[in-house]
Amino acid sequence: MGLSCAYKIRVVEILLCALAVFIAILQKGEIQPYSVWCEFVWAFAFIVAMVILVLEVLKLELVVAVFLQHSWADLATGLTLVCAAMLLTASIIYPMRVMHCTMCFLEVVCTIVSCLATLLFLVDGVMTKKEMSSGYLTAVCGVLRFTEALLASLLFITFASYFLSVTTGVPWALGWCVLVYIVCFVLSVLMMMFNLVKLLNALVCVDKLEVVFNIVAVVLYITAIILWPIYGKQDYYNYMKWDTDMRIVLNYGYHYIDLMLVLVLTAVNLVLYIVDMILSLLAFLKCI
């Protein structure tokens, strides 16, 4: 893929994300965690594409690569694939939980624009991945790590939607689950930083740190996947209100879906952390 073509793709990515953000701003719907997530994703993808384009046009990507002592191609490709994954979630969530009607023109356009941006970022990332050697963000370990962080972000949005709508407080067991998600998310981001920034990499033994963190994360997520379904359902039924108003009944149906979605995302992330733990343990044993 020639440079001129790469620039054109970046420009279209920027325009699509900017258009999605602009349409979202025009909408005066109810502010909810899902709509905030979608707007954040479009803004984040816009910023990433803009920064990458500016750095490459001004030939400053080498400065960043030297400063981080990490491959620019891996960094740019990895961030592009991260944006593609995030945009995919926004393209699914927006029409399912944010759109008010299927005939609302601007909301339909926003959904289409988000889907096009997702496709473009994905194609961009896959094409550049084929032209480069393997790096951390584009290798299995990096993909696992940013997927874990992405799922944790979705967990934040989902349980925020649930807690803001159903309960007046957070039971201790569910509060523990929230703490688990936050701690593991922060540690996942730190692990990515340690692997990307060589200066930080030199301060600690990253291989040992990866093993310890993954073991801790697996144990914490096991507690979450036990506590959430037990106390989550109990909390839901304690606060559920039966009403003849079908709108209220429907809303509570949505919140039950939130409750179950947190459980599913927790289970998926637990599996990812187990796989990550096995891979990091094998990599550590080979280095001994």
Protein backbone atom coordinates (compact mmCIF):
# COMPACT_ATOMS: atom_id res chain seq x y z
CA MET A 1 0.00 0.00 0.00
CA GLY A 2 1.62 3.25 -1.15
CA LEU A 3 1.99 6.24 1.12
CA SER A 4 -0.48 8.36 -0.82
CA CYS A 5 -3.09 5.63 -0.48
CA ALA A 6 -2.35 5.33 3.23
CA TYR A 7 -2.83 9.07 3.67
CA LYS A 8 -6.13 8.99 1.81
CA ILE A 9 -7.39 6.16 4.03
CA ARG A 10 -6.42 8.11 7.16
CA VAL A 11 -8.23 11.20 5.90
CA VAL A 12 -11.42 9.23 5.24
CA GLU A 13 -11.15 7.61 8.69
CA ILE A 14 -10.86 11.08 10.25
CA LEU A 15 -13.83 12.42 8.28
CA LEU A 16 -16.06 9.46 9.17
CA CYS A 17 -15.25 9.64 12.89
CA ALA A 18 -15.69 13.41 12.92
CA LEU A 19 -19.07 13.03 11.21
CA ALA A 20 -20.18 10.43 13.76
CA VAL A 21 -19.19 12.71 16.65
CA PHE A 22 -20.91 15.68 15.00
CA ILE A 23 -24.17 13.76 14.52
CA ALA A 24 -24.04 12.49 18.10
CA ILE A 25 -23.61 16.07 19.36
CA LEU A 26 -26.65 17.16 17.32
CA GLN A 27 -28.79 14.54 19.03
CA LYS A 28 -30.43 15.77 22.22
CA GLY A 29 -31.31 12.37 23.59
CA GLU A 30 -30.91 11.14 27.14
CA ILE A 31 -27.31 10.97 28.36
CA GLN A 32 -26.57 7.37 29.30
CA PRO A 33 -23.41 5.26 29.68
CA TYR A 34 -23.90 3.58 26.29
CA SER A 35 -24.19 6.87 24.39
CA VAL A 36 -21.16 8.26 26.25
CA TRP A 37 -19.17 5.17 25.26
CA CYS A 38 -20.09 5.51 21.58
CA GLU A 39 -19.17 9.20 21.51
CA PHE A 40 -15.90 8.48 23.32
CA VAL A 41 -15.02 5.73 20.81
CA TRP A 42 -15.64 7.96 17.78
CA ALA A 43 -13.65 10.81 19.35
CA PHE A 44 -10.81 8.46 20.34
CA ALA A 45 -10.60 6.95 16.84
CA PHE A 46 -10.66 10.47 15.34
CA ILE A 47 -7.75 11.57 17.57
CA VAL A 48 -5.71 8.41 16.89
CA ALA A 49 -6.14 8.69 13.11
CA MET A 50 -5.36 12.42 13.19
CA VAL A 51 -2.21 11.99 15.32
CA ILE A 52 -0.90 9.14 13.16
CA LEU A 53 -1.55 11.13 9.97
CA VAL A 54 0.13 14.30 11.26
CA LEU A 55 3.17 12.41 12.56
CA GLU A 56 3.61 10.51 9.30
CA VAL A 57 3.10 13.58 7.08
CA LEU A 58 5.62 15.60 9.11
CA LYS A 59 7.98 12.58 9.30
CA LEU A 60 7.92 12.72 13.09
CA GLU A 61 7.07 9.05 13.57
CA LEU A 62 10.78 8.23 13.79
CA VAL A 63 11.14 10.62 16.73
CA VAL A 64 8.32 8.80 18.56
CA ALA A 65 9.86 5.43 17.71
CA VAL A 66 13.26 6.51 19.06
CA PHE A 67 11.72 8.01 22.20
CA LEU A 68 9.71 4.88 22.96
CA GLN A 69 12.37 2.58 21.49
CA HIS A 70 9.54 0.68 19.87
CA SER A 71 8.57 -0.02 16.27
CA TRP A 72 6.37 2.75 14.86
CA ALA A 73 4.77 0.31 12.42
CA ASP A 74 3.68 -1.93 15.30
CA LEU A 75 2.41 1.03 17.30
CA ALA A 76 0.43 2.56 14.42
CA THR A 77 -0.97 -0.79 13.25
CA GLY A 78 -1.83 -1.85 16.79
CA LEU A 79 -3.65 1.40 17.54
CA THR A 80 -5.52 1.13 14.23
CA LEU A 81 -6.71 -2.38 15.13
CA VAL A 82 -7.64 -1.21 18.63
CA CYS A 83 -9.77 1.54 17.07
CA ALA A 84 -11.37 -1.02 14.74
CA ALA A 85 -12.33 -3.20 17.71
CA MET A 86 -13.69 -0.23 19.68
CA LEU A 87 -15.63 1.06 16.67
CA LEU A 88 -17.15 -2.39 16.22
CA THR A 89 -18.55 -2.23 19.75
CA ALA A 90 -19.94 1.27 19.12
CA SER A 91 -21.49 0.15 15.81
CA ILE A 92 -23.31 -2.64 17.65
CA ILE A 93 -24.24 -0.75 20.82
CA TYR A 94 -25.48 2.45 19.16
CA PRO A 95 -28.35 0.96 17.11
CA MET A 96 -29.29 -1.50 19.87
CA ARG A 97 -29.25 0.75 22.95
CA VAL A 98 -28.97 4.40 21.88
CA MET A 99 -31.12 4.80 18.76
CA HIS A 100 -34.64 5.97 19.58
CA CYS A 101 -36.25 4.69 16.38
CA THR A 102 -35.31 2.95 13.16
CA MET A 103 -36.75 5.84 11.13
CA CYS A 104 -34.68 8.61 12.78
CA PHE A 105 -32.60 9.80 9.82
CA LEU A 106 -29.58 11.20 11.67
CA GLU A 107 -29.29 8.18 13.95
CA VAL A 108 -29.45 5.81 10.98
CA VAL A 109 -26.77 7.85 9.22
CA CYS A 110 -24.63 7.80 12.36
CA THR A 111 -24.90 4.00 12.53
CA ILE A 112 -23.93 3.64 8.86
CA VAL A 113 -21.00 6.04 9.29
CA SER A 114 -19.78 4.11 12.35
CA CYS A 115 -19.97 0.80 10.44
CA LEU A 116 -18.03 2.29 7.51
CA ALA A 117 -15.37 3.63 9.89
CA THR A 118 -15.10 0.21 11.52
CA LEU A 119 -14.59 -1.47 8.15
CA LEU A 120 -12.03 1.10 7.04
CA PHE A 121 -9.96 0.90 10.24
CA LEU A 122 -10.06 -2.90 10.03
CA VAL A 123 -8.93 -2.99 6.39
CA ASP A 124 -6.25 -0.40 7.17
CA GLY A 125 -4.95 -2.40 10.11
CA VAL A 126 -4.96 -5.74 8.29
CA MET A 127 -3.21 -4.33 5.20
CA THR A 128 -0.45 -2.64 7.21
CA LYS A 129 -0.08 -5.76 9.38
CA LYS A 130 0.70 -7.82 6.28
CA GLU A 131 3.53 -5.45 5.34
CA MET A 132 5.33 -5.44 8.71
CA SER A 133 7.18 -7.83 10.96
CA SER A 134 5.58 -8.91 14.20
CA GLY A 135 5.49 -6.51 17.15
CA TYR A 136 3.99 -6.47 20.64
CA LEU A 137 0.63 -4.83 19.87
CA THR A 138 0.06 -6.96 16.77
CA ALA A 139 1.28 -10.22 18.36
CA VAL A 140 -0.93 -12.63 20.30
CA CYS A 141 0.19 -11.27 23.70
CA GLY A 142 -0.59 -7.69 22.74
CA VAL A 143 -3.94 -8.56 21.15
CA LEU A 144 -4.93 -10.48 24.28
CA ARG A 145 -3.94 -7.58 26.51
CA PHE A 146 -5.83 -4.85 24.68
CA THR A 147 -8.84 -7.15 24.27
CA GLU A 148 -8.89 -7.66 28.03
CA ALA A 149 -8.76 -3.89 28.53
CA LEU A 150 -11.51 -3.34 25.94
CA LEU A 151 -13.81 -5.90 27.58
CA ALA A 152 -13.14 -4.28 30.96
CA SER A 153 -14.18 -0.94 29.46
CA LEU A 154 -17.42 -2.52 28.23
CA LEU A 155 -17.93 -3.91 31.72
CA PHE A 156 -17.66 -0.38 33.15
CA ILE A 157 -20.31 0.88 30.73
CA THR A 158 -22.64 -2.07 31.28
CA PHE A 159 -22.62 -2.11 35.08
CA ALA A 160 -22.86 1.70 35.10
CA SER A 161 -26.03 1.42 33.01
CA TYR A 162 -27.36 -1.20 35.42
CA PHE A 163 -26.50 0.56 38.68
CA LEU A 164 -27.75 3.96 37.52
CA SER A 165 -31.14 2.51 36.57
CA VAL A 166 -31.99 -0.32 38.94
CA THR A 167 -30.42 0.14 42.36
CA THR A 168 -30.07 2.96 44.85
CA GLY A 169 -26.85 1.54 46.20
CA VAL A 170 -24.15 -1.00 45.41
CA PRO A 171 -24.18 -4.22 47.49
CA TRP A 172 -20.76 -5.19 48.87
CA ALA A 173 -20.44 -8.24 46.61
CA LEU A 174 -21.17 -6.28 43.46
CA GLY A 175 -18.89 -3.50 44.70
CA TRP A 176 -16.13 -6.09 44.98
CA CYS A 177 -16.76 -7.15 41.38
CA VAL A 178 -16.50 -3.55 40.23
CA LEU A 179 -13.20 -3.22 42.12
CA VAL A 180 -11.93 -6.37 40.38
CA TYR A 181 -12.73 -4.96 36.94
CA ILE A 182 -11.07 -1.62 37.74
CA VAL A 183 -7.90 -3.15 39.21
CA CYS A 184 -7.44 -5.62 36.36
CA PHE A 185 -8.09 -2.91 33.76
CA VAL A 186 -5.46 -0.61 35.29
CA LEU A 187 -2.93 -3.44 35.52
CA SER A 188 -3.60 -4.48 31.90
CA VAL A 189 -2.89 -0.93 30.74
CA LEU A 190 0.29 -0.86 32.85
CA MET A 191 1.43 -4.16 31.34
CA MET A 192 1.00 -2.73 27.85
CA MET A 193 3.00 0.37 28.83
CA PHE A 194 5.81 -1.75 30.30
CA ASN A 195 6.02 -3.72 27.04
CA LEU A 196 5.82 -0.67 24.77
CA VAL A 197 8.17 1.74 26.59
CA LYS A 198 11.65 0.23 26.82
CA LEU A 199 12.64 2.60 29.64
CA LEU A 200 9.90 1.14 31.83
CA ASN A 201 10.74 -2.33 30.56
CA ALA A 202 14.26 -1.95 31.90
CA LEU A 203 13.04 -1.06 35.41
CA VAL A 204 11.32 -4.37 36.11
CA CYS A 205 11.38 -7.98 34.98
CA VAL A 206 8.33 -7.82 32.72
CA ASP A 207 8.15 -11.60 32.20
CA LYS A 208 7.82 -12.25 35.94
CA LEU A 209 5.44 -9.33 36.32
CA GLU A 210 3.21 -10.69 33.52
CA VAL A 211 2.98 -14.10 35.21
CA VAL A 212 2.18 -12.65 38.64
CA PHE A 213 -0.40 -10.23 37.26
CA ASN A 214 -2.15 -12.89 35.18
CA ILE A 215 -2.40 -15.24 38.16
CA VAL A 216 -3.82 -12.43 40.31
CA ALA A 217 -6.25 -11.44 37.54
CA VAL A 218 -7.50 -15.02 37.12
CA VAL A 219 -8.09 -15.38 40.88
CA LEU A 220 -9.89 -12.02 41.06
CA TYR A 221 -12.09 -12.78 38.04
CA ILE A 222 -13.01 -16.18 39.51
CA THR A 223 -14.36 -14.39 42.59
CA ALA A 224 -16.26 -11.98 40.35
CA ILE A 225 -17.85 -14.69 38.23
CA ILE A 226 -19.03 -16.42 41.42
CA LEU A 227 -20.34 -13.34 43.22
CA TRP A 228 -21.93 -11.45 40.31
CA PRO A 229 -24.68 -13.95 39.29
CA ILE A 230 -25.60 -14.72 42.92
CA TYR A 231 -25.81 -11.21 44.30
CA GLY A 232 -26.62 -9.54 40.99
CA LYS A 233 -29.88 -11.43 40.50
CA GLN A 234 -30.77 -10.96 44.15
CA ASP A 235 -30.16 -7.22 43.86
CA TYR A 236 -32.16 -7.02 40.62
CA TYR A 237 -35.25 -8.76 41.99
CA ASN A 238 -35.08 -6.76 45.24
CA TYR A 239 -35.40 -3.50 43.32
CA MET A 240 -37.56 -4.60 40.41
CA LYS A 241 -40.91 -2.83 40.23
CA TRP A 242 -43.86 -4.43 38.54
CA ASP A 243 -46.00 -1.88 36.75
CA THR A 244 -48.71 -1.93 34.13
CA ASP A 245 -46.75 0.68 32.21
CA MET A 246 -45.13 -1.38 29.45
CA ARG A 247 -42.33 1.17 29.08
CA ILE A 248 -41.21 0.51 32.64
CA VAL A 249 -41.44 -3.25 32.17
CA LEU A 250 -39.40 -2.98 28.97
CA ASN A 251 -36.75 -0.87 30.70
CA TYR A 252 -36.36 -3.44 33.43
CA GLY A 253 -35.96 -6.05 30.70
CA TYR A 254 -33.07 -4.03 29.31
CA HIS A 255 -31.49 -3.80 32.74
CA TYR A 256 -31.72 -7.57 33.18
CA ILE A 257 -29.85 -7.86 29.88
CA ASP A 258 -27.21 -5.53 31.36
CA LEU A 259 -26.96 -7.82 34.36
CA MET A 260 -26.47 -10.90 32.17
CA LEU A 261 -24.10 -9.06 29.83
CA VAL A 262 -21.78 -8.26 32.72
CA LEU A 263 -21.71 -11.97 33.54
CA VAL A 264 -20.93 -12.93 29.93
CA LEU A 265 -18.18 -10.31 29.60
CA THR A 266 -16.71 -11.45 32.92
CA ALA A 267 -16.64 -15.07 31.72
CA VAL A 268 -15.01 -14.11 28.40
CA ASN A 269 -12.37 -11.99 30.13
CA LEU A 270 -11.67 -14.79 32.60
CA VAL A 271 -10.98 -17.15 29.68
CA LEU A 272 -8.68 -14.56 28.08
CA TYR A 273 -6.75 -14.09 31.33
CA ILE A 274 -6.38 -17.87 31.71
CA VAL A 275 -4.99 -18.12 28.16
CA ASP A 276 -2.74 -15.13 28.84
CA MET A 277 -1.53 -16.72 32.08
CA ILE A 278 -0.64 -19.98 30.33
CA LEU A 279 1.20 -18.20 27.50
CA SER A 280 3.11 -15.88 29.86
CA LEU A 281 4.04 -18.83 32.12
CA LEU A 282 5.33 -20.83 29.15
CA ALA A 283 7.32 -17.81 27.90
CA PHE A 284 8.81 -17.30 31.38
CA LEU A 285 9.82 -20.97 31.73
CA LYS A 286 11.58 -20.83 28.35
CA CYS A 287 13.66 -17.87 29.56
CA ILE A 288 14.84 -19.70 32.67
